[in-house]
Amino acid sequence: MALAAVAPVTASVPFTAEPNPLPKPQVRVISEFQEFLNLEPVWNDLVDRAGVTHPFLEHCWIRTWWECFGHGTLLHILVVSEGPRTLAIAPLIMSRTKMYGIPIRRLGFFYNSHVPRADFIVAHGRADAYELIWKQIRAAYAWDVLQLCQLTESSQTLGRLQQLAREDGLQTGLWKSGASPRVQLGRGWDEYQQTLPAKHRSNLRNRFKRLNQVGPAELDTVTGGERRPALLQEGLRLESAAWKGEAGTAILADRDITRFYELLSQRAAAHGWLRLNFLRAAGRAVAFDYSLEYRNRIFLLKLGYDPEFSPYSPSNLLLATALKQAFAQGVAEYDFLGEEAEWKRCWTSDVQSNYWLYVFRRSVKGRLLYGLKFQLVPRLRNSSMLKQITGVIAGLRAAVMVKSGRPNR
């Protein structure tokens, strides 16, 4: 009897696609200006994703700084990407300078005294990017000192870079540069006023009363438009009219600084950040401030006044008027920037500390510089020897001045 053919039985196994592996993060170095310009949309998107709350890491701020102050330095911008997505940007430049008279190659932020804050830009949840940034910095052989200026006390960069450098056996140090006063504007204006010193409130009332006798005191705010160029120049003349002009520290005293604030006003106005505030009495400008409003926060960059009105304390009257307006507009914070000063302490006791992080190359020069910066100089500052040396230098300088017939001032 013939057996019937039996078809083989096969099990049905569902098809499972292999998961696509995530692309490995890569770091590239931007060293050409055009490459930096091309980064603008990616850069600004990352600033948003990183939750940066100040304008000093925006592409247009750093571009303006570079165009005005970047001569003699080299771009060394590190961009960390994972496929098409940018995870972090480290805005760095290489420069040659001196530290305690010793020539050095310094890698650091786009920084000078006109930069209130600086940092790396790192997307939320991607702290792993710090290690990639550090490896690239470590591999850049051409620096003696890594100097990261004006990091806030809450910056992740401050702790993470210091840890990574120490793990690699490099010497590091922190220098506290000062604390920036700020006012949290969550309360109402009237409630906030009651927190101010009684003497300060009394002085404001009296001086407003006296100024109003000259003419109604009014706030004139310029955010852009056709008035901006002329009123900026009016404000800069006020900024240089008092002691800053005499000391040579006013914006108009330096061509590069003037260009920086002029270009910045144009670009900030295009972004809707610019605030040029004037306090006017009978139509005459008695005080001026150059501020930026960014993410519902106000940042005070520069302040000036007409010395003819100094008995009225015009800068304080302008600040009172600008703060009152900020409260009315629902602004979250007013940041005085810079360092603590007596006139700022009249308005707030809340401050944010800022630090500079130093990392020294593991070399003879690096060890020498670390010893000078964080061992020898701090000891001298606390000793009578430094006072003696300073006295001798002052005496020699005075003698040279007398001999050359120049005034000693």
Foldseek 3Di string as FASTA:
>chain_A
DDDDDDDDDDDDDDDDDDDDDWADKDKDWDWDPVVLVVCQVLQVVLLVQLVDFDCLSHSLNLVLLCVLPVPQKTWGKMWIDGVPHTFKIDGWIWHWDDDVNHIWIEIEHSDDPLRQADDIRGGPPPPVVLVVVLVVVLPPPRGFKYKYWWHWPPDPCQPPNCVVLVVVPWDKDKDWPAWWDKDFLPDALVVLVVVFDPVLSVLLVVLQVVLCVQAHKDKDKDLDDPCPPVVVVVQQCQLLQPVCVVVLNGQVSDPSSVSSVVSCSHVLSVVRFWIWMFTDGPRHGFKIWTWTQGPLEIETRGIGGHVVSVVSVVRSNRVSVVVNVSSVVVRGMYIDGDHDDPVSVSNGPDIIITMMMMIGDPDPVRVVSCCVPPPVVVVLVVDCVVVVVVVVVLVVVVVVCVVVVHDDD
